[in-house]
Amino acid sequence: NYLFALFIPNNCRVFIGILDSIRENHMPNLNELLKNECEKRLQKGIDTNLLLINEHQFEVKFDMDIQNIWKRFIKIISNRK
């Protein structure tokens, strides 16, 4: 398995493409994972300015063909221009 990520910082979006040769589709909900991690760090007293609380939205797609992942990333980048 390979993971590719495209971060778009100005609108806090993260596009993730996972090359999965056997189509397992095992990936945690990254939005919930980020939220839970931020809450843990807040409880430890970490400065809120250092956290990405509810700022990033993750979109995860699994594919068995690397070309489809690249096409998706190229489409996202060209739509940003």
PDB file of N, CA and C in Angstrom:
ATOM      1  N   ASN A   1       0.833  -1.189   0.000  1.00  0.00           N
ATOM      2  CA  ASN A   1       0.000   0.000   0.000  1.00  0.00           C
ATOM      3  C   ASN A   1       0.872   1.246   0.000  1.00  0.00           C
ATOM      4  N   TYR A   2       0.448   2.250  -0.728  1.00  0.00           N
ATOM      5  CA  TYR A   2       1.117   3.542  -0.764  1.00  0.00           C
ATOM      6  C   TYR A   2       0.080   4.616  -0.510  1.00  0.00           C
ATOM      7  N   LEU A   3       0.491   5.659   0.183  1.00  0.00           N
ATOM      8  CA  LEU A   3      -0.401   6.766   0.501  1.00  0.00           C
ATOM      9  C   LEU A   3       0.180   8.032  -0.108  1.00  0.00           C
ATOM     10  N   PHE A   4      -0.646   8.770  -0.836  1.00  0.00           N
ATOM     11  CA  PHE A   4      -0.266  10.043  -1.437  1.00  0.00           C
ATOM     12  C   PHE A   4      -1.217  11.101  -0.901  1.00  0.00           C
ATOM     13  N   ALA A   5      -0.678  12.259  -0.557  1.00  0.00           N
ATOM     14  CA  ALA A   5      -1.529  13.313   0.003  1.00  0.00           C
ATOM     15  C   ALA A   5      -1.257  14.633  -0.699  1.00  0.00           C
ATOM     16  N   LEU A   6      -2.324  15.369  -0.915  1.00  0.00           N
ATOM     17  CA  LEU A   6      -2.256  16.699  -1.511  1.00  0.00           C
ATOM     18  C   LEU A   6      -2.927  17.657  -0.540  1.00  0.00           C
ATOM     19  N   PHE A   7      -2.141  18.566   0.024  1.00  0.00           N
ATOM     20  CA  PHE A   7      -2.647  19.536   0.990  1.00  0.00           C
ATOM     21  C   PHE A   7      -2.925  20.848   0.274  1.00  0.00           C
ATOM     22  N   ILE A   8      -4.130  21.388   0.456  1.00  0.00           N
ATOM     23  CA  ILE A   8      -4.508  22.700  -0.073  1.00  0.00           C
ATOM     24  C   ILE A   8      -4.682  23.609   1.145  1.00  0.00           C
ATOM     25  N   PRO A   9      -3.644  24.357   1.526  1.00  0.00           N
ATOM     26  CA  PRO A   9      -3.679  25.092   2.798  1.00  0.00           C
ATOM     27  C   PRO A   9      -4.665  26.249   2.862  1.00  0.00           C
ATOM     28  N   ASN A  10      -4.940  26.926   1.742  1.00  0.00           N
ATOM     29  CA  ASN A  10      -5.801  28.108   1.838  1.00  0.00           C
ATOM     30  C   ASN A  10      -7.259  27.771   2.128  1.00  0.00           C
ATOM     31  N   ASN A  11      -7.690  26.540   1.865  1.00  0.00           N
ATOM     32  CA  ASN A  11      -9.054  26.173   2.251  1.00  0.00           C
ATOM     33  C   ASN A  11      -9.077  24.948   3.169  1.00  0.00           C
ATOM     34  N   CYS A  12      -7.906  24.599   3.718  1.00  0.00           N
ATOM     35  CA  CYS A  12      -7.779  23.534   4.732  1.00  0.00           C
ATOM     36  C   CYS A  12      -8.349  22.201   4.268  1.00  0.00           C
ATOM     37  N   ARG A  13      -8.064  21.833   3.037  1.00  0.00           N
ATOM     38  CA  ARG A  13      -8.510  20.539   2.505  1.00  0.00           C
ATOM     39  C   ARG A  13      -7.292  19.649   2.298  1.00  0.00           C
ATOM     40  N   VAL A  14      -7.481  18.379   2.542  1.00  0.00           N
ATOM     41  CA  VAL A  14      -6.436  17.388   2.315  1.00  0.00           C
ATOM     42  C   VAL A  14      -7.047  16.266   1.485  1.00  0.00           C
ATOM     43  N   PHE A  15      -6.452  16.020   0.336  1.00  0.00           N
ATOM     44  CA  PHE A  15      -6.907  14.948  -0.539  1.00  0.00           C
ATOM     45  C   PHE A  15      -5.896  13.817  -0.443  1.00  0.00           C
ATOM     46  N   ILE A  16      -6.380  12.633  -0.109  1.00  0.00           N
ATOM     47  CA  ILE A  16      -5.500  11.487   0.084  1.00  0.00           C
ATOM     48  C   ILE A  16      -5.883  10.405  -0.909  1.00  0.00           C
ATOM     49  N   GLY A  17      -4.871   9.906  -1.602  1.00  0.00           N
ATOM     50  CA  GLY A  17      -5.062   8.788  -2.516  1.00  0.00           C
ATOM     51  C   GLY A  17      -4.271   7.605  -1.996  1.00  0.00           C
ATOM     52  N   ILE A  18      -4.915   6.479  -1.883  1.00  0.00           N
ATOM     53  CA  ILE A  18      -4.251   5.287  -1.372  1.00  0.00           C
ATOM     54  C   ILE A  18      -4.241   4.231  -2.465  1.00  0.00           C
ATOM     55  N   LEU A  19      -3.029   3.829  -2.832  1.00  0.00           N
ATOM     56  CA  LEU A  19      -2.866   2.757  -3.798  1.00  0.00           C
ATOM     57  C   LEU A  19      -2.955   1.450  -3.026  1.00  0.00           C
ATOM     58  N   ASP A  20      -4.005   0.714  -3.280  1.00  0.00           N
ATOM     59  CA  ASP A  20      -4.304  -0.492  -2.512  1.00  0.00           C
ATOM     60  C   ASP A  20      -4.433  -1.658  -3.486  1.00  0.00           C
ATOM     61  N   SER A  21      -3.449  -2.535  -3.493  1.00  0.00           N
ATOM     62  CA  SER A  21      -3.409  -3.602  -4.493  1.00  0.00           C
ATOM     63  C   SER A  21      -4.467  -4.681  -4.278  1.00  0.00           C
ATOM     64  N   ILE A  22      -5.004  -4.795  -3.072  1.00  0.00           N
ATOM     65  CA  ILE A  22      -6.007  -5.837  -2.830  1.00  0.00           C
ATOM     66  C   ILE A  22      -7.354  -5.274  -2.381  1.00  0.00           C
ATOM     67  N   ARG A  23      -7.504  -3.976  -2.454  1.00  0.00           N
ATOM     68  CA  ARG A  23      -8.787  -3.300  -2.211  1.00  0.00           C
ATOM     69  C   ARG A  23      -9.344  -3.564  -0.815  1.00  0.00           C
ATOM     70  N   GLU A  24      -8.519  -3.321   0.199  1.00  0.00           N
ATOM     71  CA  GLU A  24      -8.959  -3.529   1.578  1.00  0.00           C
ATOM     72  C   GLU A  24      -9.820  -2.392   2.115  1.00  0.00           C
ATOM     73  N   ASN A  25      -9.546  -1.169   1.688  1.00  0.00           N
ATOM     74  CA  ASN A  25     -10.291   0.014   2.142  1.00  0.00           C
ATOM     75  C   ASN A  25     -10.242   0.201   3.657  1.00  0.00           C
ATOM     76  N   HIS A  26      -9.122  -0.110   4.265  1.00  0.00           N
ATOM     77  CA  HIS A  26      -8.974   0.085   5.709  1.00  0.00           C
ATOM     78  C   HIS A  26      -8.284   1.417   5.967  1.00  0.00           C
ATOM     79  N   MET A  27      -9.040   2.379   6.448  1.00  0.00           N
ATOM     80  CA  MET A  27      -8.492   3.694   6.770  1.00  0.00           C
ATOM     81  C   MET A  27      -9.382   4.308   7.828  1.00  0.00           C
ATOM     82  N   PRO A  28      -8.782   4.807   8.905  1.00  0.00           N
ATOM     83  CA  PRO A  28      -9.618   5.436   9.928  1.00  0.00           C
ATOM     84  C   PRO A  28     -10.217   6.739   9.404  1.00  0.00           C
ATOM     85  N   ASN A  29     -11.265   7.202  10.043  1.00  0.00           N
ATOM     86  CA  ASN A  29     -11.857   8.488   9.698  1.00  0.00           C
ATOM     87  C   ASN A  29     -10.881   9.570  10.160  1.00  0.00           C
ATOM     88  N   LEU A  30     -10.207  10.206   9.216  1.00  0.00           N
ATOM     89  CA  LEU A  30      -9.158  11.167   9.561  1.00  0.00           C
ATOM     90  C   LEU A  30      -9.709  12.433  10.198  1.00  0.00           C
ATOM     91  N   ASN A  31     -10.923  12.830   9.844  1.00  0.00           N
ATOM     92  CA  ASN A  31     -11.522  14.004  10.484  1.00  0.00           C
ATOM     93  C   ASN A  31     -11.712  13.748  11.977  1.00  0.00           C
ATOM     94  N   GLU A  32     -12.217  12.566  12.323  1.00  0.00           N
ATOM     95  CA  GLU A  32     -12.405  12.204  13.736  1.00  0.00           C
ATOM     96  C   GLU A  32     -11.066  12.014  14.436  1.00  0.00           C
ATOM     97  N   LEU A  33     -10.114  11.421  13.735  1.00  0.00           N
ATOM     98  CA  LEU A  33      -8.789  11.205  14.309  1.00  0.00           C
ATOM     99  C   LEU A  33      -8.130  12.535  14.673  1.00  0.00           C
ATOM    100  N   LEU A  34      -8.213  13.524  13.779  1.00  0.00           N
ATOM    101  CA  LEU A  34      -7.647  14.846  14.053  1.00  0.00           C
ATOM    102  C   LEU A  34      -8.362  15.507  15.225  1.00  0.00           C
ATOM    103  N   LYS A  35      -9.675  15.419  15.246  1.00  0.00           N
ATOM    104  CA  LYS A  35     -10.459  16.017  16.330  1.00  0.00           C
ATOM    105  C   LYS A  35     -10.072  15.408  17.677  1.00  0.00           C
ATOM    106  N   ASN A  36      -9.989  14.080  17.734  1.00  0.00           N
ATOM    107  CA  ASN A  36      -9.629  13.405  18.982  1.00  0.00           C
ATOM    108  C   ASN A  36      -8.214  13.744  19.425  1.00  0.00           C
ATOM    109  N   GLU A  37      -7.296  13.820  18.483  1.00  0.00           N
ATOM    110  CA  GLU A  37      -5.907  14.148  18.823  1.00  0.00           C
ATOM    111  C   GLU A  37      -5.806  15.578  19.354  1.00  0.00           C
ATOM    112  N   CYS A  38      -6.531  16.503  18.749  1.00  0.00           N
ATOM    113  CA  CYS A  38      -6.531  17.889  19.237  1.00  0.00           C
ATOM    114  C   CYS A  38      -7.110  17.970  20.647  1.00  0.00           C
ATOM    115  N   GLU A  39      -8.179  17.224  20.901  1.00  0.00           N
ATOM    116  CA  GLU A  39      -8.776  17.225  22.241  1.00  0.00           C
ATOM    117  C   GLU A  39      -7.805  16.683  23.283  1.00  0.00           C
ATOM    118  N   LYS A  40      -7.068  15.628  22.940  1.00  0.00           N
ATOM    119  CA  LYS A  40      -6.066  15.072  23.861  1.00  0.00           C
ATOM    120  C   LYS A  40      -4.990  16.103  24.179  1.00  0.00           C
ATOM    121  N   ARG A  41      -4.548  16.801  23.151  1.00  0.00           N
ATOM    122  CA  ARG A  41      -3.482  17.790  23.357  1.00  0.00           C
ATOM    123  C   ARG A  41      -3.979  18.995  24.148  1.00  0.00           C
ATOM    124  N   LEU A  42      -5.236  19.372  23.946  1.00  0.00           N
ATOM    125  CA  LEU A  42      -5.811  20.465  24.738  1.00  0.00           C
ATOM    126  C   LEU A  42      -5.846  20.097  26.213  1.00  0.00           C
ATOM    127  N   GLN A  43      -6.189  18.842  26.502  1.00  0.00           N
ATOM    128  CA  GLN A  43      -6.228  18.381  27.889  1.00  0.00           C
ATOM    129  C   GLN A  43      -4.840  18.392  28.521  1.00  0.00           C
ATOM    130  N   LYS A  44      -3.806  18.251  27.686  1.00  0.00           N
ATOM    131  CA  LYS A  44      -2.430  18.282  28.192  1.00  0.00           C
ATOM    132  C   LYS A  44      -1.918  19.714  28.347  1.00  0.00           C
ATOM    133  N   GLY A  45      -2.723  20.690  27.915  1.00  0.00           N
ATOM    134  CA  GLY A  45      -2.339  22.084  28.081  1.00  0.00           C
ATOM    135  C   GLY A  45      -1.582  22.689  26.914  1.00  0.00           C
ATOM    136  N   ILE A  46      -1.645  22.067  25.751  1.00  0.00           N
ATOM    137  CA  ILE A  46      -0.979  22.612  24.564  1.00  0.00           C
ATOM    138  C   ILE A  46      -1.699  23.897  24.143  1.00  0.00           C
ATOM    139  N   ASP A  47      -0.939  24.892  23.727  1.00  0.00           N
ATOM    140  CA  ASP A  47      -1.493  26.167  23.268  1.00  0.00           C
ATOM    141  C   ASP A  47      -2.430  25.935  22.077  1.00  0.00           C
ATOM    142  N   THR A  48      -3.625  26.482  22.138  1.00  0.00           N
ATOM    143  CA  THR A  48      -4.615  26.280  21.069  1.00  0.00           C
ATOM    144  C   THR A  48      -4.148  26.840  19.729  1.00  0.00           C
ATOM    145  N   ASN A  49      -3.251  27.808  19.736  1.00  0.00           N
ATOM    146  CA  ASN A  49      -2.736  28.357  18.480  1.00  0.00           C
ATOM    147  C   ASN A  49      -1.879  27.348  17.724  1.00  0.00           C
ATOM    148  N   LEU A  50      -1.404  26.323  18.418  1.00  0.00           N
ATOM    149  CA  LEU A  50      -0.561  25.312  17.787  1.00  0.00           C
ATOM    150  C   LEU A  50      -1.361  24.136  17.233  1.00  0.00           C
ATOM    151  N   LEU A  51      -2.660  24.144  17.441  1.00  0.00           N
ATOM    152  CA  LEU A  51      -3.499  23.027  17.016  1.00  0.00           C
ATOM    153  C   LEU A  51      -4.326  23.374  15.787  1.00  0.00           C
ATOM    154  N   LEU A  52      -4.674  22.352  15.041  1.00  0.00           N
ATOM    155  CA  LEU A  52      -5.471  22.518  13.817  1.00  0.00           C
ATOM    156  C   LEU A  52      -6.918  22.131  14.081  1.00  0.00           C
ATOM    157  N   ILE A  53      -7.490  22.668  15.124  1.00  0.00           N
ATOM    158  CA  ILE A  53      -8.813  22.250  15.568  1.00  0.00           C
ATOM    159  C   ILE A  53      -9.859  22.525  14.489  1.00  0.00           C
ATOM    160  N   ASN A  54     -10.498  21.442  14.039  1.00  0.00           N
ATOM    161  CA  ASN A  54     -11.599  21.509  13.064  1.00  0.00           C
ATOM    162  C   ASN A  54     -11.285  22.361  11.840  1.00  0.00           C
ATOM    163  N   GLU A  55     -10.015  22.463  11.493  1.00  0.00           N
ATOM    164  CA  GLU A  55      -9.671  23.276  10.337  1.00  0.00           C
ATOM    165  C   GLU A  55      -9.546  22.456   9.062  1.00  0.00           C
ATOM    166  N   HIS A  56      -9.035  21.267   9.155  1.00  0.00           N
ATOM    167  CA  HIS A  56      -8.768  20.471   7.965  1.00  0.00           C
ATOM    168  C   HIS A  56      -9.863  19.441   7.714  1.00  0.00           C
ATOM    169  N   GLN A  57     -10.204  19.308   6.456  1.00  0.00           N
ATOM    170  CA  GLN A  57     -11.156  18.291   6.022  1.00  0.00           C
ATOM    171  C   GLN A  57     -10.406  17.311   5.121  1.00  0.00           C
ATOM    172  N   PHE A  58     -10.553  16.035   5.404  1.00  0.00           N
ATOM    173  CA  PHE A  58      -9.854  15.002   4.659  1.00  0.00           C
ATOM    174  C   PHE A  58     -10.809  14.296   3.707  1.00  0.00           C
ATOM    175  N   GLU A  59     -10.332  14.068   2.506  1.00  0.00           N
ATOM    176  CA  GLU A  59     -11.080  13.280   1.528  1.00  0.00           C
ATOM    177  C   GLU A  59     -10.174  12.132   1.100  1.00  0.00           C
ATOM    178  N   VAL A  60     -10.579  10.920   1.416  1.00  0.00           N
ATOM    179  CA  VAL A  60      -9.757   9.737   1.164  1.00  0.00           C
ATOM    180  C   VAL A  60     -10.392   8.898   0.063  1.00  0.00           C
ATOM    181  N   LYS A  61      -9.570   8.530  -0.918  1.00  0.00           N
ATOM    182  CA  LYS A  61     -10.030   7.652  -1.999  1.00  0.00           C
ATOM    183  C   LYS A  61      -9.031   6.505  -2.156  1.00  0.00           C
ATOM    184  N   PHE A  62      -9.560   5.301  -2.250  1.00  0.00           N
ATOM    185  CA  PHE A  62      -8.749   4.117  -2.501  1.00  0.00           C
ATOM    186  C   PHE A  62      -8.796   3.802  -3.984  1.00  0.00           C
ATOM    187  N   ASP A  63      -7.668   3.350  -4.515  1.00  0.00           N
ATOM    188  CA  ASP A  63      -7.655   2.956  -5.915  1.00  0.00           C
ATOM    189  C   ASP A  63      -6.609   1.874  -6.119  1.00  0.00           C
ATOM    190  N   MET A  64      -6.836   1.043  -7.107  1.00  0.00           N
ATOM    191  CA  MET A  64      -5.889  -0.018  -7.426  1.00  0.00           C
ATOM    192  C   MET A  64      -4.960   0.385  -8.567  1.00  0.00           C
ATOM    193  N   ASP A  65      -5.182   1.566  -9.146  1.00  0.00           N
ATOM    194  CA  ASP A  65      -4.384   2.038 -10.279  1.00  0.00           C
ATOM    195  C   ASP A  65      -3.784   3.403  -9.945  1.00  0.00           C
ATOM    196  N   ILE A  66      -2.462   3.481  -9.965  1.00  0.00           N
ATOM    197  CA  ILE A  66      -1.766   4.732  -9.625  1.00  0.00           C
ATOM    198  C   ILE A  66      -2.157   5.859 -10.578  1.00  0.00           C
ATOM    199  N   GLN A  67      -2.452   5.528 -11.828  1.00  0.00           N
ATOM    200  CA  GLN A  67      -2.824   6.554 -12.801  1.00  0.00           C
ATOM    201  C   GLN A  67      -4.095   7.288 -12.387  1.00  0.00           C
ATOM    202  N   ASN A  68      -5.031   6.575 -11.807  1.00  0.00           N
ATOM    203  CA  ASN A  68      -6.272   7.218 -11.347  1.00  0.00           C
ATOM    204  C   ASN A  68      -6.002   8.199 -10.214  1.00  0.00           C
ATOM    205  N   ILE A  69      -5.069   7.860  -9.343  1.00  0.00           N
ATOM    206  CA  ILE A  69      -4.707   8.772  -8.249  1.00  0.00           C
ATOM    207  C   ILE A  69      -4.093  10.037  -8.816  1.00  0.00           C
ATOM    208  N   TRP A  70      -3.144   9.890  -9.756  1.00  0.00           N
ATOM    209  CA  TRP A  70      -2.504  11.073 -10.349  1.00  0.00           C
ATOM    210  C   TRP A  70      -3.513  11.922 -11.116  1.00  0.00           C
ATOM    211  N   LYS A  71      -4.407  11.282 -11.861  1.00  0.00           N
ATOM    212  CA  LYS A  71      -5.431  12.038 -12.602  1.00  0.00           C
ATOM    213  C   LYS A  71      -6.298  12.856 -11.650  1.00  0.00           C
ATOM    214  N   ARG A  72      -6.652  12.259 -10.541  1.00  0.00           N
ATOM    215  CA  ARG A  72      -7.472  12.968  -9.551  1.00  0.00           C
ATOM    216  C   ARG A  72      -6.723  14.175  -8.994  1.00  0.00           C
ATOM    217  N   PHE A  73      -5.452  13.996  -8.648  1.00  0.00           N
ATOM    218  CA  PHE A  73      -4.653  15.100  -8.113  1.00  0.00           C
ATOM    219  C   PHE A  73      -4.476  16.202  -9.156  1.00  0.00           C
ATOM    220  N   ILE A  74      -4.230  15.820 -10.399  1.00  0.00           N
ATOM    221  CA  ILE A  74      -4.076  16.812 -11.470  1.00  0.00           C
ATOM    222  C   ILE A  74      -5.370  17.595 -11.649  1.00  0.00           C
ATOM    223  N   LYS A  75      -6.502  16.906 -11.593  1.00  0.00           N
ATOM    224  CA  LYS A  75      -7.800  17.584 -11.720  1.00  0.00           C
ATOM    225  C   LYS A  75      -8.009  18.571 -10.574  1.00  0.00           C
ATOM    226  N   ILE A  76      -7.672  18.177  -9.358  1.00  0.00           N
ATOM    227  CA  ILE A  76      -7.814  19.065  -8.192  1.00  0.00           C
ATOM    228  C   ILE A  76      -6.929  20.292  -8.351  1.00  0.00           C
ATOM    229  N   ILE A  77      -5.686  20.077  -8.763  1.00  0.00           N
ATOM    230  CA  ILE A  77      -4.747  21.198  -8.933  1.00  0.00           C
ATOM    231  C   ILE A  77      -5.226  22.127 -10.040  1.00  0.00           C
ATOM    232  N   SER A  78      -5.676  21.577 -11.172  1.00  0.00           N
ATOM    233  CA  SER A  78      -6.111  22.454 -12.265  1.00  0.00           C
ATOM    234  C   SER A  78      -7.382  23.214 -11.934  1.00  0.00           C
ATOM    235  N   ASN A  79      -8.231  22.661 -11.084  1.00  0.00           N
ATOM    236  CA  ASN A  79      -9.429  23.390 -10.655  1.00  0.00           C
ATOM    237  C   ASN A  79      -9.093  24.524  -9.697  1.00  0.00           C
ATOM    238  N   ARG A  80      -7.936  24.485  -9.083  1.00  0.00           N
ATOM    239  CA  ARG A  80      -7.516  25.518  -8.135  1.00  0.00           C
ATOM    240  C   ARG A  80      -6.994  26.762  -8.838  1.00  0.00           C
ATOM    241  N   LYS A  81      -6.609  26.656 -10.097  1.00  0.00           N
ATOM    242  CA  LYS A  81      -5.996  27.791 -10.807  1.00  0.00           C
ATOM    243  C   LYS A  81      -7.013  28.815 -11.223  1.00  0.00           C
TER     244      LYS A  81
END
